[in-house]
């Protein structure tokens, strides 16, 4: 019974952010015009242009030379540097601080953003440093597309390193990166990923 409750809690934790993301519709602040897009095939032979970019236009608000600050994330894919803020970050309910998630929109397009969930081998119940895990889930979403732009899969390495967690402030600083998959199955690399979040 306790396992059923645990899996139900995990299911709810992942379902609620997804529902929020799917039901939130915002106007694009900039266009992906000129970006390469993938095509998807729908049952019956119909072909859709997916609106999912596999290359990104530059974002003038994302400067890789600037240090990352509290409440922000950034990463590089190909030659493009993406960044944004968090709308939420915190521990999973019902767990002993071994798991946390954060998500939020991109700086140059409120319709795109990331969701990252992290499963650690030890609890963040005291100051911790240099914890690395491959038990992660990464999504780079687009509200106006039929599928995520990128997502990690258990078949390829994607890792998160908690460089520091300060228990008194609950501020976690870390890095992330690895192989992700586009909607058509092509792979891409996420590198130079950084985040600084306060876990609630």
C-alpha atoms as a PDB file:
ATOM      1  CA  UNK A   1       0.000   0.000   0.000  1.00  0.00           C
ATOM      2  CA  UNK A   2       2.816   2.409   0.811  1.00  0.00           C
ATOM      3  CA  UNK A   3       4.236   1.806  -2.683  1.00  0.00           C
ATOM      4  CA  UNK A   4       0.870   2.656  -4.240  1.00  0.00           C
ATOM      5  CA  UNK A   5       0.794   5.915  -2.277  1.00  0.00           C
ATOM      6  CA  UNK A   6       4.367   6.709  -3.304  1.00  0.00           C
ATOM      7  CA  UNK A   7       3.727   6.114  -6.994  1.00  0.00           C
ATOM      8  CA  UNK A   8       0.472   8.034  -6.811  1.00  0.00           C
ATOM      9  CA  UNK A   9       2.325  10.990  -5.256  1.00  0.00           C
ATOM     10  CA  UNK A  10       4.967  10.829  -8.009  1.00  0.00           C
ATOM     11  CA  UNK A  11       2.246  10.642 -10.664  1.00  0.00           C
ATOM     12  CA  UNK A  12       0.438  13.674  -9.229  1.00  0.00           C
ATOM     13  CA  UNK A  13       3.663  15.645  -8.908  1.00  0.00           C
ATOM     14  CA  UNK A  14       4.459  15.158 -12.578  1.00  0.00           C
ATOM     15  CA  UNK A  15       0.870  15.487 -13.794  1.00  0.00           C
ATOM     16  CA  UNK A  16       0.134  18.851 -12.173  1.00  0.00           C
ATOM     17  CA  UNK A  17       3.059  20.760 -13.772  1.00  0.00           C
ATOM     18  CA  UNK A  18       2.257  19.187 -17.149  1.00  0.00           C
ATOM     19  CA  UNK A  19      -1.388  20.250 -16.887  1.00  0.00           C
ATOM     20  CA  UNK A  20      -0.341  23.757 -15.905  1.00  0.00           C
ATOM     21  CA  UNK A  21       2.066  23.927 -18.829  1.00  0.00           C
ATOM     22  CA  UNK A  22      -0.471  22.559 -21.305  1.00  0.00           C
ATOM     23  CA  UNK A  23      -3.257  24.877 -20.178  1.00  0.00           C
ATOM     24  CA  UNK A  24      -1.202  28.058 -20.037  1.00  0.00           C
ATOM     25  CA  UNK A  25      -1.294  29.895 -23.345  1.00  0.00           C
ATOM     26  CA  UNK A  26       0.793  33.014 -23.799  1.00  0.00           C
ATOM     27  CA  UNK A  27       1.588  35.154 -26.812  1.00  0.00           C
ATOM     28  CA  UNK A  28       5.009  34.564 -28.280  1.00  0.00           C
ATOM     29  CA  UNK A  29       7.488  37.330 -27.597  1.00  0.00           C
ATOM     30  CA  UNK A  30       9.515  36.389 -30.636  1.00  0.00           C
ATOM     31  CA  UNK A  31       9.202  34.078 -33.574  1.00  0.00           C
ATOM     32  CA  UNK A  32      11.128  30.983 -34.562  1.00  0.00           C
ATOM     33  CA  UNK A  33      10.856  32.063 -38.203  1.00  0.00           C
ATOM     34  CA  UNK A  34      13.873  30.963 -40.149  1.00  0.00           C
ATOM     35  CA  UNK A  35      14.658  28.149 -37.745  1.00  0.00           C
ATOM     36  CA  UNK A  36      14.858  24.619 -39.054  1.00  0.00           C
ATOM     37  CA  UNK A  37      11.712  22.661 -38.173  1.00  0.00           C
ATOM     38  CA  UNK A  38      10.967  18.952 -38.132  1.00  0.00           C
ATOM     39  CA  UNK A  39       7.961  17.270 -39.709  1.00  0.00           C
ATOM     40  CA  UNK A  40       5.873  14.675 -37.953  1.00  0.00           C
ATOM     41  CA  UNK A  41       3.649  12.051 -39.513  1.00  0.00           C
ATOM     42  CA  UNK A  42       0.152  11.568 -38.128  1.00  0.00           C
ATOM     43  CA  UNK A  43      -1.854   8.373 -38.476  1.00  0.00           C
ATOM     44  CA  UNK A  44      -3.473   8.110 -41.915  1.00  0.00           C
ATOM     45  CA  UNK A  45      -0.468   9.502 -43.768  1.00  0.00           C
ATOM     46  CA  UNK A  46      -1.084  13.174 -43.019  1.00  0.00           C
ATOM     47  CA  UNK A  47       2.092  15.179 -42.495  1.00  0.00           C
ATOM     48  CA  UNK A  48       2.309  18.062 -40.069  1.00  0.00           C
ATOM     49  CA  UNK A  49       4.943  20.777 -39.911  1.00  0.00           C
ATOM     50  CA  UNK A  50       5.516  20.545 -36.211  1.00  0.00           C
ATOM     51  CA  UNK A  51       6.666  24.050 -35.299  1.00  0.00           C
ATOM     52  CA  UNK A  52       9.428  22.336 -33.321  1.00  0.00           C
ATOM     53  CA  UNK A  53      12.750  24.050 -33.985  1.00  0.00           C
ATOM     54  CA  UNK A  54      15.887  21.951 -34.110  1.00  0.00           C
ATOM     55  CA  UNK A  55      18.044  25.063 -34.286  1.00  0.00           C
ATOM     56  CA  UNK A  56      17.375  28.254 -32.400  1.00  0.00           C
ATOM     57  CA  UNK A  57      17.689  31.925 -33.302  1.00  0.00           C
ATOM     58  CA  UNK A  58      19.982  33.914 -31.013  1.00  0.00           C
ATOM     59  CA  UNK A  59      18.401  35.424 -27.909  1.00  0.00           C
ATOM     60  CA  UNK A  60      19.844  38.827 -27.059  1.00  0.00           C
ATOM     61  CA  UNK A  61      18.702  38.446 -23.445  1.00  0.00           C
ATOM     62  CA  UNK A  62      20.942  35.401 -22.905  1.00  0.00           C
ATOM     63  CA  UNK A  63      24.569  36.387 -22.371  1.00  0.00           C
ATOM     64  CA  UNK A  64      26.876  33.436 -21.607  1.00  0.00           C
ATOM     65  CA  UNK A  65      29.497  35.795 -20.150  1.00  0.00           C
ATOM     66  CA  UNK A  66      27.126  36.900 -17.361  1.00  0.00           C
ATOM     67  CA  UNK A  67      27.101  34.862 -14.128  1.00  0.00           C
ATOM     68  CA  UNK A  68      23.958  32.906 -13.342  1.00  0.00           C
ATOM     69  CA  UNK A  69      21.858  34.418 -10.538  1.00  0.00           C
ATOM     70  CA  UNK A  70      19.193  33.160  -8.136  1.00  0.00           C
ATOM     71  CA  UNK A  71      15.989  32.102  -9.878  1.00  0.00           C
ATOM     72  CA  UNK A  72      17.603  31.606 -13.296  1.00  0.00           C
ATOM     73  CA  UNK A  73      18.671  28.779 -15.602  1.00  0.00           C
ATOM     74  CA  UNK A  74      20.678  28.602 -18.829  1.00  0.00           C
ATOM     75  CA  UNK A  75      22.114  26.081 -21.269  1.00  0.00           C
ATOM     76  CA  UNK A  76      23.711  25.785 -24.684  1.00  0.00           C
ATOM     77  CA  UNK A  77      22.542  23.611 -27.570  1.00  0.00           C
ATOM     78  CA  UNK A  78      24.421  23.732 -30.857  1.00  0.00           C
ATOM     79  CA  UNK A  79      25.553  27.343 -31.197  1.00  0.00           C
ATOM     80  CA  UNK A  80      22.504  28.752 -29.388  1.00  0.00           C
ATOM     81  CA  UNK A  81      22.460  29.855 -25.777  1.00  0.00           C
ATOM     82  CA  UNK A  82      19.087  29.617 -24.006  1.00  0.00           C
ATOM     83  CA  UNK A  83      18.167  31.075 -20.616  1.00  0.00           C
ATOM     84  CA  UNK A  84      15.169  31.833 -18.446  1.00  0.00           C
ATOM     85  CA  UNK A  85      13.641  32.028 -15.004  1.00  0.00           C
ATOM     86  CA  UNK A  86      11.767  29.698 -12.671  1.00  0.00           C
ATOM     87  CA  UNK A  87       8.043  29.829 -12.073  1.00  0.00           C
ATOM     88  CA  UNK A  88       8.421  27.054  -9.501  1.00  0.00           C
ATOM     89  CA  UNK A  89      11.140  25.068  -7.770  1.00  0.00           C
ATOM     90  CA  UNK A  90      10.873  22.724  -4.832  1.00  0.00           C
ATOM     91  CA  UNK A  91      11.046  19.325  -3.198  1.00  0.00           C
ATOM     92  CA  UNK A  92       8.622  16.567  -4.159  1.00  0.00           C
ATOM     93  CA  UNK A  93       5.825  16.288  -1.644  1.00  0.00           C
ATOM     94  CA  UNK A  94       6.020  13.187   0.548  1.00  0.00           C
ATOM     95  CA  UNK A  95       9.734  12.530   0.034  1.00  0.00           C
ATOM     96  CA  UNK A  96      12.637  13.044   2.420  1.00  0.00           C
ATOM     97  CA  UNK A  97      14.265  15.789   0.340  1.00  0.00           C
ATOM     98  CA  UNK A  98      15.925  13.377  -2.081  1.00  0.00           C
ATOM     99  CA  UNK A  99      14.031  14.716  -5.099  1.00  0.00           C
ATOM    100  CA  UNK A 100      13.333  18.174  -6.466  1.00  0.00           C
ATOM    101  CA  UNK A 101      12.105  19.836  -9.627  1.00  0.00           C
ATOM    102  CA  UNK A 102      12.188  23.254 -11.243  1.00  0.00           C
ATOM    103  CA  UNK A 103      10.569  24.747 -14.305  1.00  0.00           C
ATOM    104  CA  UNK A 104      10.054  28.069 -16.020  1.00  0.00           C
ATOM    105  CA  UNK A 105       9.884  29.945 -19.317  1.00  0.00           C
ATOM    106  CA  UNK A 106      12.650  31.032 -21.669  1.00  0.00           C
ATOM    107  CA  UNK A 107      13.743  34.664 -21.621  1.00  0.00           C
ATOM    108  CA  UNK A 108      12.972  35.234 -25.313  1.00  0.00           C
ATOM    109  CA  UNK A 109       9.793  33.172 -25.663  1.00  0.00           C
ATOM    110  CA  UNK A 110       7.282  32.658 -22.866  1.00  0.00           C
ATOM    111  CA  UNK A 111       5.852  29.698 -24.808  1.00  0.00           C
ATOM    112  CA  UNK A 112       9.083  27.727 -24.429  1.00  0.00           C
ATOM    113  CA  UNK A 113      10.917  26.694 -21.302  1.00  0.00           C
ATOM    114  CA  UNK A 114      12.339  23.854 -19.273  1.00  0.00           C
ATOM    115  CA  UNK A 115      11.190  21.302 -16.730  1.00  0.00           C
ATOM    116  CA  UNK A 116      13.932  19.456 -14.825  1.00  0.00           C
ATOM    117  CA  UNK A 117      13.320  16.779 -12.186  1.00  0.00           C
ATOM    118  CA  UNK A 118      16.224  15.457 -10.128  1.00  0.00           C
ATOM    119  CA  UNK A 119      16.420  12.244  -8.066  1.00  0.00           C
ATOM    120  CA  UNK A 120      19.377  12.275  -5.672  1.00  0.00           C
ATOM    121  CA  UNK A 121      21.148   9.396  -3.889  1.00  0.00           C
ATOM    122  CA  UNK A 122      21.148  11.342  -0.598  1.00  0.00           C
ATOM    123  CA  UNK A 123      18.779  13.806   1.047  1.00  0.00           C
ATOM    124  CA  UNK A 124      19.231  17.563   0.937  1.00  0.00           C
ATOM    125  CA  UNK A 125      18.586  17.809   4.667  1.00  0.00           C
ATOM    126  CA  UNK A 126      21.907  19.523   5.443  1.00  0.00           C
ATOM    127  CA  UNK A 127      24.578  21.376   3.499  1.00  0.00           C
ATOM    128  CA  UNK A 128      25.632  19.194   0.556  1.00  0.00           C
ATOM    129  CA  UNK A 129      28.232  19.575  -2.182  1.00  0.00           C
ATOM    130  CA  UNK A 130      29.101  17.923  -5.505  1.00  0.00           C
ATOM    131  CA  UNK A 131      26.291  15.403  -5.833  1.00  0.00           C
ATOM    132  CA  UNK A 132      25.887  14.021  -9.365  1.00  0.00           C
ATOM    133  CA  UNK A 133      22.994  11.909 -10.603  1.00  0.00           C
ATOM    134  CA  UNK A 134      21.801  10.538 -13.915  1.00  0.00           C
ATOM    135  CA  UNK A 135      18.372   9.891 -12.418  1.00  0.00           C
ATOM    136  CA  UNK A 136      16.894  12.972 -14.031  1.00  0.00           C
ATOM    137  CA  UNK A 137      14.143  14.078 -16.385  1.00  0.00           C
ATOM    138  CA  UNK A 138      14.677  17.070 -18.700  1.00  0.00           C
ATOM    139  CA  UNK A 139      12.085  18.631 -21.005  1.00  0.00           C
ATOM    140  CA  UNK A 140      12.357  21.709 -23.218  1.00  0.00           C
ATOM    141  CA  UNK A 141       8.740  22.412 -24.089  1.00  0.00           C
ATOM    142  CA  UNK A 142       6.883  24.566 -26.611  1.00  0.00           C
ATOM    143  CA  UNK A 143       3.225  25.360 -25.833  1.00  0.00           C
ATOM    144  CA  UNK A 144       2.449  25.849 -29.534  1.00  0.00           C
ATOM    145  CA  UNK A 145       3.930  22.565 -30.750  1.00  0.00           C
ATOM    146  CA  UNK A 146       2.430  19.056 -30.698  1.00  0.00           C
ATOM    147  CA  UNK A 147       5.455  17.658 -28.813  1.00  0.00           C
ATOM    148  CA  UNK A 148       8.371  18.792 -26.686  1.00  0.00           C
ATOM    149  CA  UNK A 149      11.319  20.380 -28.484  1.00  0.00           C
ATOM    150  CA  UNK A 150      13.734  18.194 -26.505  1.00  0.00           C
ATOM    151  CA  UNK A 151      13.446  15.562 -23.817  1.00  0.00           C
ATOM    152  CA  UNK A 152      15.861  13.275 -22.064  1.00  0.00           C
ATOM    153  CA  UNK A 153      15.391   9.508 -22.165  1.00  0.00           C
ATOM    154  CA  UNK A 154      16.711   6.695 -19.991  1.00  0.00           C
ATOM    155  CA  UNK A 155      18.525   5.276 -23.037  1.00  0.00           C
ATOM    156  CA  UNK A 156      21.024   8.182 -23.116  1.00  0.00           C
ATOM    157  CA  UNK A 157      23.069   9.928 -20.451  1.00  0.00           C
ATOM    158  CA  UNK A 158      21.703  13.166 -19.021  1.00  0.00           C
ATOM    159  CA  UNK A 159      23.040  14.255 -15.649  1.00  0.00           C
ATOM    160  CA  UNK A 160      22.580  16.946 -13.033  1.00  0.00           C
ATOM    161  CA  UNK A 161      25.253  17.981 -10.533  1.00  0.00           C
ATOM    162  CA  UNK A 162      24.286  19.748  -7.338  1.00  0.00           C
ATOM    163  CA  UNK A 163      27.396  21.840  -6.798  1.00  0.00           C
ATOM    164  CA  UNK A 164      26.071  23.150  -3.509  1.00  0.00           C
ATOM    165  CA  UNK A 165      22.968  23.091  -1.367  1.00  0.00           C
ATOM    166  CA  UNK A 166      22.863  25.413   1.641  1.00  0.00           C
ATOM    167  CA  UNK A 167      20.299  24.167   4.130  1.00  0.00           C
ATOM    168  CA  UNK A 168      19.837  27.514   5.913  1.00  0.00           C
ATOM    169  CA  UNK A 169      18.726  29.277   2.709  1.00  0.00           C
ATOM    170  CA  UNK A 170      17.567  26.170   0.756  1.00  0.00           C
ATOM    171  CA  UNK A 171      19.442  27.520  -2.269  1.00  0.00           C
ATOM    172  CA  UNK A 172      20.707  24.880  -4.695  1.00  0.00           C
ATOM    173  CA  UNK A 173      23.326  25.693  -7.335  1.00  0.00           C
ATOM    174  CA  UNK A 174      24.101  23.219 -10.066  1.00  0.00           C
ATOM    175  CA  UNK A 175      24.877  22.209 -13.609  1.00  0.00           C
ATOM    176  CA  UNK A 176      23.210  19.887 -16.122  1.00  0.00           C
ATOM    177  CA  UNK A 177      23.787  18.442 -19.556  1.00  0.00           C
ATOM    178  CA  UNK A 178      23.738  15.425 -21.791  1.00  0.00           C
ATOM    179  CA  UNK A 179      21.948  13.881 -24.745  1.00  0.00           C
ATOM    180  CA  UNK A 180      18.332  14.785 -25.496  1.00  0.00           C
ATOM    181  CA  UNK A 181      15.889  13.728 -28.198  1.00  0.00           C
ATOM    182  CA  UNK A 182      13.824  15.812 -30.597  1.00  0.00           C
ATOM    183  CA  UNK A 183      10.281  14.806 -31.548  1.00  0.00           C
ATOM    184  CA  UNK A 184      11.514  13.038 -34.696  1.00  0.00           C
ATOM    185  CA  UNK A 185      14.010  10.940 -32.695  1.00  0.00           C
ATOM    186  CA  UNK A 186      17.131  12.916 -33.635  1.00  0.00           C
ATOM    187  CA  UNK A 187      19.553  13.571 -30.807  1.00  0.00           C
ATOM    188  CA  UNK A 188      21.026  16.856 -29.648  1.00  0.00           C
ATOM    189  CA  UNK A 189      23.450  17.865 -26.930  1.00  0.00           C
ATOM    190  CA  UNK A 190      22.656  20.103 -23.987  1.00  0.00           C
ATOM    191  CA  UNK A 191      25.828  21.600 -22.525  1.00  0.00           C
ATOM    192  CA  UNK A 192      26.871  24.353 -20.124  1.00  0.00           C
ATOM    193  CA  UNK A 193      23.582  23.980 -18.251  1.00  0.00           C
ATOM    194  CA  UNK A 194      23.398  26.017 -15.046  1.00  0.00           C
ATOM    195  CA  UNK A 195      20.752  26.797 -12.436  1.00  0.00           C
ATOM    196  CA  UNK A 196      20.389  28.546  -9.096  1.00  0.00           C
ATOM    197  CA  UNK A 197      17.098  27.902  -7.323  1.00  0.00           C
ATOM    198  CA  UNK A 198      15.554  28.196  -3.904  1.00  0.00           C
ATOM    199  CA  UNK A 199      13.747  24.965  -3.054  1.00  0.00           C
ATOM    200  CA  UNK A 200      10.381  25.342  -1.317  1.00  0.00           C
END
